[in-house]
Amino acid sequence: MGIERNDHLWSQQHLSHYVAGDLRLRARRRLDRHARDCVDCGRGVRAMHSLVYAMQGLGGLGGVSAPATIFDRVRSAGSTPPPRRA
């Protein structure tokens, strides 16, 4: 497995941490570098930012808000590889 593939897998696993601001500077820079060159990870960062923005907007809709554990649930779902197609 090459360095690029390792960075891709690592980046995919840390997208929500990146958007939430939970990464240290060195890790944030690693994901920044990778997402600049990787279409999938660049989209992932933009999608996570959009998700966070949408969740923040829920607070004004009749008191509906995102559960406190939403990032934990997204991370858990994202760490499970998709089923293989036959």
PDB file of N, CA and C in Angstrom:
ATOM      1  N   MET A   1       0.847  -1.179   0.000  1.00  0.00           N
ATOM      2  CA  MET A   1       0.000   0.000   0.000  1.00  0.00           C
ATOM      3  C   MET A   1       0.886   1.232   0.000  1.00  0.00           C
ATOM      4  N   GLY A   2       0.693   2.138  -0.953  1.00  0.00           N
ATOM      5  CA  GLY A   2       1.534   3.307  -1.076  1.00  0.00           C
ATOM      6  C   GLY A   2       1.191   4.405  -0.082  1.00  0.00           C
ATOM      7  N   ILE A   3       2.062   5.389  -0.029  1.00  0.00           N
ATOM      8  CA  ILE A   3       1.862   6.518   0.880  1.00  0.00           C
ATOM      9  C   ILE A   3       0.556   7.235   0.560  1.00  0.00           C
ATOM     10  N   GLU A   4       0.269   7.438  -0.732  1.00  0.00           N
ATOM     11  CA  GLU A   4      -0.950   8.137  -1.114  1.00  0.00           C
ATOM     12  C   GLU A   4      -2.177   7.386  -0.621  1.00  0.00           C
ATOM     13  N   ARG A   5      -2.169   6.063  -0.753  1.00  0.00           N
ATOM     14  CA  ARG A   5      -3.300   5.243  -0.307  1.00  0.00           C
ATOM     15  C   ARG A   5      -3.440   5.323   1.207  1.00  0.00           C
ATOM     16  N   ASN A   6      -2.327   5.287   1.922  1.00  0.00           N
ATOM     17  CA  ASN A   6      -2.373   5.427   3.380  1.00  0.00           C
ATOM     18  C   ASN A   6      -2.949   6.777   3.771  1.00  0.00           C
ATOM     19  N   ASP A   7      -2.517   7.854   3.094  1.00  0.00           N
ATOM     20  CA  ASP A   7      -3.049   9.181   3.390  1.00  0.00           C
ATOM     21  C   ASP A   7      -4.537   9.252   3.082  1.00  0.00           C
ATOM     22  N   HIS A   8      -4.953   8.582   2.007  1.00  0.00           N
ATOM     23  CA  HIS A   8      -6.371   8.606   1.651  1.00  0.00           C
ATOM     24  C   HIS A   8      -7.212   7.917   2.733  1.00  0.00           C
ATOM     25  N   LEU A   9      -6.809   6.734   3.134  1.00  0.00           N
ATOM     26  CA  LEU A   9      -7.555   6.015   4.169  1.00  0.00           C
ATOM     27  C   LEU A   9      -7.566   6.803   5.473  1.00  0.00           C
ATOM     28  N   TRP A  10      -6.413   7.332   5.851  1.00  0.00           N
ATOM     29  CA  TRP A  10      -6.324   8.128   7.070  1.00  0.00           C
ATOM     30  C   TRP A  10      -7.229   9.354   6.981  1.00  0.00           C
ATOM     31  N   SER A  11      -7.189  10.039   5.851  1.00  0.00           N
ATOM     32  CA  SER A  11      -8.002  11.245   5.671  1.00  0.00           C
ATOM     33  C   SER A  11      -9.489  10.932   5.757  1.00  0.00           C
ATOM     34  N   GLN A  12      -9.902   9.853   5.127  1.00  0.00           N
ATOM     35  CA  GLN A  12     -11.313   9.464   5.181  1.00  0.00           C
ATOM     36  C   GLN A  12     -11.763   9.222   6.617  1.00  0.00           C
ATOM     37  N   GLN A  13     -10.901   8.656   7.417  1.00  0.00           N
ATOM     38  CA  GLN A  13     -11.242   8.351   8.806  1.00  0.00           C
ATOM     39  C   GLN A  13     -11.243   9.591   9.690  1.00  0.00           C
ATOM     40  N   HIS A  14     -10.641  10.680   9.228  1.00  0.00           N
ATOM     41  CA  HIS A  14     -10.501  11.867  10.064  1.00  0.00           C
ATOM     42  C   HIS A  14     -11.237  13.100   9.542  1.00  0.00           C
ATOM     43  N   LEU A  15     -12.094  12.926   8.538  1.00  0.00           N
ATOM     44  CA  LEU A  15     -12.809  14.075   7.975  1.00  0.00           C
ATOM     45  C   LEU A  15     -13.651  14.794   9.022  1.00  0.00           C
ATOM     46  N   SER A  16     -14.397  14.057   9.815  1.00  0.00           N
ATOM     47  CA  SER A  16     -15.262  14.716  10.800  1.00  0.00           C
ATOM     48  C   SER A  16     -14.437  15.398  11.880  1.00  0.00           C
ATOM     49  N   HIS A  17     -13.311  14.798  12.254  1.00  0.00           N
ATOM     50  CA  HIS A  17     -12.425  15.432  13.241  1.00  0.00           C
ATOM     51  C   HIS A  17     -11.863  16.740  12.673  1.00  0.00           C
ATOM     52  N   TYR A  18     -11.517  16.721  11.396  1.00  0.00           N
ATOM     53  CA  TYR A  18     -10.978  17.893  10.714  1.00  0.00           C
ATOM     54  C   TYR A  18     -11.989  19.037  10.743  1.00  0.00           C
ATOM     55  N   VAL A  19     -13.219  18.741  10.334  1.00  0.00           N
ATOM     56  CA  VAL A  19     -14.256  19.760  10.260  1.00  0.00           C
ATOM     57  C   VAL A  19     -14.647  20.261  11.655  1.00  0.00           C
ATOM     58  N   ALA A  20     -14.618  19.369  12.622  1.00  0.00           N
ATOM     59  CA  ALA A  20     -14.966  19.757  13.989  1.00  0.00           C
ATOM     60  C   ALA A  20     -13.832  20.518  14.677  1.00  0.00           C
ATOM     61  N   GLY A  21     -12.657  20.569  14.056  1.00  0.00           N
ATOM     62  CA  GLY A  21     -11.521  21.266  14.656  1.00  0.00           C
ATOM     63  C   GLY A  21     -10.826  20.457  15.731  1.00  0.00           C
ATOM     64  N   ASP A  22     -10.996  19.125  15.670  1.00  0.00           N
ATOM     65  CA  ASP A  22     -10.434  18.240  16.692  1.00  0.00           C
ATOM     66  C   ASP A  22      -9.048  17.697  16.351  1.00  0.00           C
ATOM     67  N   LEU A  23      -8.462  18.138  15.247  1.00  0.00           N
ATOM     68  CA  LEU A  23      -7.143  17.637  14.864  1.00  0.00           C
ATOM     69  C   LEU A  23      -6.064  18.620  15.291  1.00  0.00           C
ATOM     70  N   ARG A  24      -4.927  18.085  15.668  1.00  0.00           N
ATOM     71  CA  ARG A  24      -3.771  18.935  15.953  1.00  0.00           C
ATOM     72  C   ARG A  24      -3.269  19.515  14.639  1.00  0.00           C
ATOM     73  N   LEU A  25      -2.468  20.547  14.727  1.00  0.00           N
ATOM     74  CA  LEU A  25      -2.004  21.278  13.546  1.00  0.00           C
ATOM     75  C   LEU A  25      -1.330  20.362  12.523  1.00  0.00           C
ATOM     76  N   ARG A  26      -0.464  19.481  12.968  1.00  0.00           N
ATOM     77  CA  ARG A  26       0.254  18.601  12.033  1.00  0.00           C
ATOM     78  C   ARG A  26      -0.723  17.692  11.274  1.00  0.00           C
ATOM     79  N   ALA A  27      -1.695  17.132  11.982  1.00  0.00           N
ATOM     80  CA  ALA A  27      -2.683  16.265  11.343  1.00  0.00           C
ATOM     81  C   ALA A  27      -3.574  17.066  10.400  1.00  0.00           C
ATOM     82  N   ARG A  28      -3.927  18.275  10.802  1.00  0.00           N
ATOM     83  CA  ARG A  28      -4.753  19.142   9.963  1.00  0.00           C
ATOM     84  C   ARG A  28      -4.022  19.460   8.654  1.00  0.00           C
ATOM     85  N   ARG A  29      -2.736  19.747   8.757  1.00  0.00           N
ATOM     86  CA  ARG A  29      -1.946  20.025   7.549  1.00  0.00           C
ATOM     87  C   ARG A  29      -1.860  18.794   6.652  1.00  0.00           C
ATOM     88  N   ARG A  30      -1.734  17.624   7.263  1.00  0.00           N
ATOM     89  CA  ARG A  30      -1.676  16.381   6.476  1.00  0.00           C
ATOM     90  C   ARG A  30      -2.960  16.221   5.670  1.00  0.00           C
ATOM     91  N   LEU A  31      -4.092  16.442   6.308  1.00  0.00           N
ATOM     92  CA  LEU A  31      -5.363  16.289   5.601  1.00  0.00           C
ATOM     93  C   LEU A  31      -5.535  17.396   4.565  1.00  0.00           C
ATOM     94  N   ASP A  32      -5.127  18.613   4.890  1.00  0.00           N
ATOM     95  CA  ASP A  32      -5.172  19.717   3.916  1.00  0.00           C
ATOM     96  C   ASP A  32      -4.423  19.355   2.639  1.00  0.00           C
ATOM     97  N   ARG A  33      -3.172  18.875   2.812  1.00  0.00           N
ATOM     98  CA  ARG A  33      -2.345  18.516   1.644  1.00  0.00           C
ATOM     99  C   ARG A  33      -3.019  17.429   0.816  1.00  0.00           C
ATOM    100  N   HIS A  34      -3.524  16.421   1.489  1.00  0.00           N
ATOM    101  CA  HIS A  34      -4.136  15.316   0.758  1.00  0.00           C
ATOM    102  C   HIS A  34      -5.414  15.766   0.045  1.00  0.00           C
ATOM    103  N   ALA A  35      -6.262  16.529   0.730  1.00  0.00           N
ATOM    104  CA  ALA A  35      -7.547  16.939   0.157  1.00  0.00           C
ATOM    105  C   ALA A  35      -7.379  17.874  -1.035  1.00  0.00           C
ATOM    106  N   ARG A  36      -6.257  18.589  -1.103  1.00  0.00           N
ATOM    107  CA  ARG A  36      -5.993  19.452  -2.267  1.00  0.00           C
ATOM    108  C   ARG A  36      -5.853  18.624  -3.539  1.00  0.00           C
ATOM    109  N   ASP A  37      -5.271  17.433  -3.420  1.00  0.00           N
ATOM    110  CA  ASP A  37      -4.992  16.606  -4.587  1.00  0.00           C
ATOM    111  C   ASP A  37      -5.990  15.467  -4.799  1.00  0.00           C
ATOM    112  N   CYS A  38      -6.794  15.175  -3.788  1.00  0.00           N
ATOM    113  CA  CYS A  38      -7.720  14.041  -3.858  1.00  0.00           C
ATOM    114  C   CYS A  38      -9.151  14.558  -4.001  1.00  0.00           C
ATOM    115  N   VAL A  39      -9.765  14.255  -5.126  1.00  0.00           N
ATOM    116  CA  VAL A  39     -11.125  14.715  -5.394  1.00  0.00           C
ATOM    117  C   VAL A  39     -12.096  14.190  -4.336  1.00  0.00           C
ATOM    118  N   ASP A  40     -11.992  12.910  -3.983  1.00  0.00           N
ATOM    119  CA  ASP A  40     -12.913  12.319  -3.007  1.00  0.00           C
ATOM    120  C   ASP A  40     -12.793  12.978  -1.638  1.00  0.00           C
ATOM    121  N   CYS A  41     -11.594  13.190  -1.175  1.00  0.00           N
ATOM    122  CA  CYS A  41     -11.415  13.789   0.151  1.00  0.00           C
ATOM    123  C   CYS A  41     -11.779  15.268   0.149  1.00  0.00           C
ATOM    124  N   GLY A  42     -11.504  15.956  -0.947  1.00  0.00           N
ATOM    125  CA  GLY A  42     -11.931  17.351  -1.072  1.00  0.00           C
ATOM    126  C   GLY A  42     -13.446  17.456  -0.987  1.00  0.00           C
ATOM    127  N   ARG A  43     -14.130  16.553  -1.685  1.00  0.00           N
ATOM    128  CA  ARG A  43     -15.597  16.509  -1.601  1.00  0.00           C
ATOM    129  C   ARG A  43     -16.052  16.158  -0.192  1.00  0.00           C
ATOM    130  N   GLY A  44     -15.350  15.239   0.433  1.00  0.00           N
ATOM    131  CA  GLY A  44     -15.702  14.836   1.792  1.00  0.00           C
ATOM    132  C   GLY A  44     -15.624  15.998   2.768  1.00  0.00           C
ATOM    133  N   VAL A  45     -14.580  16.805   2.647  1.00  0.00           N
ATOM    134  CA  VAL A  45     -14.435  17.976   3.515  1.00  0.00           C
ATOM    135  C   VAL A  45     -15.597  18.943   3.272  1.00  0.00           C
ATOM    136  N   ARG A  46     -15.898  19.211   2.004  1.00  0.00           N
ATOM    137  CA  ARG A  46     -16.998  20.123   1.686  1.00  0.00           C
ATOM    138  C   ARG A  46     -18.336  19.569   2.175  1.00  0.00           C
ATOM    139  N   ALA A  47     -18.544  18.264   2.035  1.00  0.00           N
ATOM    140  CA  ALA A  47     -19.790  17.646   2.487  1.00  0.00           C
ATOM    141  C   ALA A  47     -19.931  17.734   4.004  1.00  0.00           C
ATOM    142  N   MET A  48     -18.835  17.500   4.725  1.00  0.00           N
ATOM    143  CA  MET A  48     -18.893  17.595   6.187  1.00  0.00           C
ATOM    144  C   MET A  48     -19.160  19.034   6.625  1.00  0.00           C
ATOM    145  N   HIS A  49     -18.539  20.003   5.948  1.00  0.00           N
ATOM    146  CA  HIS A  49     -18.816  21.407   6.269  1.00  0.00           C
ATOM    147  C   HIS A  49     -20.298  21.716   6.025  1.00  0.00           C
ATOM    148  N   SER A  50     -20.845  21.212   4.926  1.00  0.00           N
ATOM    149  CA  SER A  50     -22.261  21.436   4.624  1.00  0.00           C
ATOM    150  C   SER A  50     -23.155  20.789   5.670  1.00  0.00           C
ATOM    151  N   LEU A  51     -22.787  19.592   6.112  1.00  0.00           N
ATOM    152  CA  LEU A  51     -23.558  18.901   7.144  1.00  0.00           C
ATOM    153  C   LEU A  51     -23.567  19.703   8.439  1.00  0.00           C
ATOM    154  N   VAL A  52     -22.416  20.203   8.837  1.00  0.00           N
ATOM    155  CA  VAL A  52     -22.326  21.000  10.059  1.00  0.00           C
ATOM    156  C   VAL A  52     -23.166  22.265   9.916  1.00  0.00           C
ATOM    157  N   TYR A  53     -23.078  22.923   8.771  1.00  0.00           N
ATOM    158  CA  TYR A  53     -23.845  24.141   8.525  1.00  0.00           C
ATOM    159  C   TYR A  53     -25.343  23.840   8.599  1.00  0.00           C
ATOM    160  N   ALA A  54     -25.766  22.744   7.983  1.00  0.00           N
ATOM    161  CA  ALA A  54     -27.182  22.372   8.003  1.00  0.00           C
ATOM    162  C   ALA A  54     -27.648  22.052   9.422  1.00  0.00           C
ATOM    163  N   MET A  55     -26.811  21.362  10.188  1.00  0.00           N
ATOM    164  CA  MET A  55     -27.184  21.013  11.563  1.00  0.00           C
ATOM    165  C   MET A  55     -27.322  22.266  12.417  1.00  0.00           C
ATOM    166  N   GLN A  56     -26.479  23.256  12.194  1.00  0.00           N
ATOM    167  CA  GLN A  56     -26.566  24.495  12.959  1.00  0.00           C
ATOM    168  C   GLN A  56     -27.877  25.206  12.663  1.00  0.00           C
ATOM    169  N   GLY A  57     -28.349  25.084  11.437  1.00  0.00           N
ATOM    170  CA  GLY A  57     -29.608  25.711  11.053  1.00  0.00           C
ATOM    171  C   GLY A  57     -30.823  25.033  11.657  1.00  0.00           C
ATOM    172  N   LEU A  58     -30.676  23.814  12.112  1.00  0.00           N
ATOM    173  CA  LEU A  58     -31.805  23.105  12.707  1.00  0.00           C
ATOM    174  C   LEU A  58     -32.254  23.726  14.021  1.00  0.00           C
ATOM    175  N   GLY A  59     -31.352  24.412  14.701  1.00  0.00           N
ATOM    176  CA  GLY A  59     -31.691  25.009  15.992  1.00  0.00           C
ATOM    177  C   GLY A  59     -32.843  25.993  15.903  1.00  0.00           C
ATOM    178  N   GLY A  60     -33.038  26.630  14.757  1.00  0.00           N
ATOM    179  CA  GLY A  60     -34.111  27.602  14.605  1.00  0.00           C
ATOM    180  C   GLY A  60     -35.426  26.999  14.180  1.00  0.00           C
ATOM    181  N   LEU A  61     -35.498  25.708  13.989  1.00  0.00           N
ATOM    182  CA  LEU A  61     -36.730  25.062  13.529  1.00  0.00           C
ATOM    183  C   LEU A  61     -37.461  24.412  14.689  1.00  0.00           C
ATOM    184  N   GLY A  62     -38.180  25.204  15.441  1.00  0.00           N
ATOM    185  CA  GLY A  62     -38.986  24.665  16.518  1.00  0.00           C
ATOM    186  C   GLY A  62     -38.178  23.992  17.614  1.00  0.00           C
ATOM    187  N   GLY A  63     -36.969  24.425  17.822  1.00  0.00           N
ATOM    188  CA  GLY A  63     -36.158  23.851  18.894  1.00  0.00           C
ATOM    189  C   GLY A  63     -35.535  22.510  18.549  1.00  0.00           C
ATOM    190  N   VAL A  64     -35.648  22.049  17.296  1.00  0.00           N
ATOM    191  CA  VAL A  64     -35.033  20.799  16.892  1.00  0.00           C
ATOM    192  C   VAL A  64     -33.538  21.037  16.765  1.00  0.00           C
ATOM    193  N   SER A  65     -32.747  20.179  17.362  1.00  0.00           N
ATOM    194  CA  SER A  65     -31.302  20.324  17.228  1.00  0.00           C
ATOM    195  C   SER A  65     -30.672  18.948  17.024  1.00  0.00           C
ATOM    196  N   ALA A  66     -29.485  18.963  16.493  1.00  0.00           N
ATOM    197  CA  ALA A  66     -28.775  17.709  16.258  1.00  0.00           C
ATOM    198  C   ALA A  66     -28.341  17.124  17.598  1.00  0.00           C
ATOM    199  N   PRO A  67     -28.392  15.798  17.722  1.00  0.00           N
ATOM    200  CA  PRO A  67     -27.943  15.187  18.975  1.00  0.00           C
ATOM    201  C   PRO A  67     -26.462  15.459  19.222  1.00  0.00           C
ATOM    202  N   ALA A  68     -26.098  15.536  20.484  1.00  0.00           N
ATOM    203  CA  ALA A  68     -24.715  15.826  20.854  1.00  0.00           C
ATOM    204  C   ALA A  68     -23.746  14.776  20.325  1.00  0.00           C
ATOM    205  N   THR A  69     -24.230  13.577  20.102  1.00  0.00           N
ATOM    206  CA  THR A  69     -23.362  12.480  19.673  1.00  0.00           C
ATOM    207  C   THR A  69     -23.319  12.309  18.155  1.00  0.00           C
ATOM    208  N   ILE A  70     -23.802  13.286  17.406  1.00  0.00           N
ATOM    209  CA  ILE A  70     -23.904  13.113  15.958  1.00  0.00           C
ATOM    210  C   ILE A  70     -22.557  12.824  15.303  1.00  0.00           C
ATOM    211  N   PHE A  71     -21.491  13.524  15.699  1.00  0.00           N
ATOM    212  CA  PHE A  71     -20.189  13.253  15.091  1.00  0.00           C
ATOM    213  C   PHE A  71     -19.706  11.855  15.434  1.00  0.00           C
ATOM    214  N   ASP A  72     -19.945  11.402  16.662  1.00  0.00           N
ATOM    215  CA  ASP A  72     -19.552  10.041  17.031  1.00  0.00           C
ATOM    216  C   ASP A  72     -20.271   9.022  16.159  1.00  0.00           C
ATOM    217  N   ARG A  73     -21.532   9.253  15.895  1.00  0.00           N
ATOM    218  CA  ARG A  73     -22.308   8.327  15.065  1.00  0.00           C
ATOM    219  C   ARG A  73     -21.840   8.349  13.620  1.00  0.00           C
ATOM    220  N   VAL A  74     -21.541   9.536  13.106  1.00  0.00           N
ATOM    221  CA  VAL A  74     -21.043   9.645  11.725  1.00  0.00           C
ATOM    222  C   VAL A  74     -19.684   8.972  11.611  1.00  0.00           C
ATOM    223  N   ARG A  75     -18.808   9.198  12.600  1.00  0.00           N
ATOM    224  CA  ARG A  75     -17.487   8.574  12.579  1.00  0.00           C
ATOM    225  C   ARG A  75     -17.599   7.055  12.613  1.00  0.00           C
ATOM    226  N   SER A  76     -18.486   6.554  13.449  1.00  0.00           N
ATOM    227  CA  SER A  76     -18.667   5.113  13.569  1.00  0.00           C
ATOM    228  C   SER A  76     -19.160   4.521  12.253  1.00  0.00           C
ATOM    229  N   ALA A  77     -20.134   5.166  11.652  1.00  0.00           N
ATOM    230  CA  ALA A  77     -20.656   4.683  10.368  1.00  0.00           C
ATOM    231  C   ALA A  77     -19.599   4.765   9.282  1.00  0.00           C
ATOM    232  N   GLY A  78     -18.767   5.812   9.316  1.00  0.00           N
ATOM    233  CA  GLY A  78     -17.734   5.989   8.303  1.00  0.00           C
ATOM    234  C   GLY A  78     -16.570   5.039   8.443  1.00  0.00           C
ATOM    235  N   SER A  79     -16.400   4.459   9.618  1.00  0.00           N
ATOM    236  CA  SER A  79     -15.264   3.557   9.816  1.00  0.00           C
ATOM    237  C   SER A  79     -15.578   2.133   9.374  1.00  0.00           C
ATOM    238  N   THR A  80     -16.840   1.862   9.068  1.00  0.00           N
ATOM    239  CA  THR A  80     -17.224   0.532   8.611  1.00  0.00           C
ATOM    240  C   THR A  80     -17.132   0.505   7.092  1.00  0.00           C
ATOM    241  N   PRO A  81     -16.331  -0.401   6.544  1.00  0.00           N
ATOM    242  CA  PRO A  81     -16.203  -0.438   5.082  1.00  0.00           C
ATOM    243  C   PRO A  81     -17.534  -0.838   4.428  1.00  0.00           C
ATOM    244  N   PRO A  82     -17.826  -0.303   3.261  1.00  0.00           N
ATOM    245  CA  PRO A  82     -19.062  -0.676   2.583  1.00  0.00           C
ATOM    246  C   PRO A  82     -19.034  -2.147   2.192  1.00  0.00           C
ATOM    247  N   PRO A  83     -20.204  -2.776   2.098  1.00  0.00           N
ATOM    248  CA  PRO A  83     -20.229  -4.197   1.722  1.00  0.00           C
ATOM    249  C   PRO A  83     -19.687  -4.384   0.312  1.00  0.00           C
ATOM    250  N   ARG A  84     -19.034  -5.489   0.115  1.00  0.00           N
ATOM    251  CA  ARG A  84     -18.493  -5.785  -1.220  1.00  0.00           C
ATOM    252  C   ARG A  84     -19.611  -6.238  -2.132  1.00  0.00           C
ATOM    253  N   ARG A  85     -19.520  -5.794  -3.363  1.00  0.00           N
ATOM    254  CA  ARG A  85     -20.508  -6.201  -4.365  1.00  0.00           C
ATOM    255  C   ARG A  85     -20.085  -7.510  -4.994  1.00  0.00           C
ATOM    256  N   ALA A  86     -21.037  -8.340  -5.246  1.00  0.00           N
ATOM    257  CA  ALA A  86     -20.729  -9.665  -5.826  1.00  0.00           C
ATOM    258  C   ALA A  86     -20.496  -9.567  -7.308  1.00  0.00           C
TER     259      ALA A  86
END
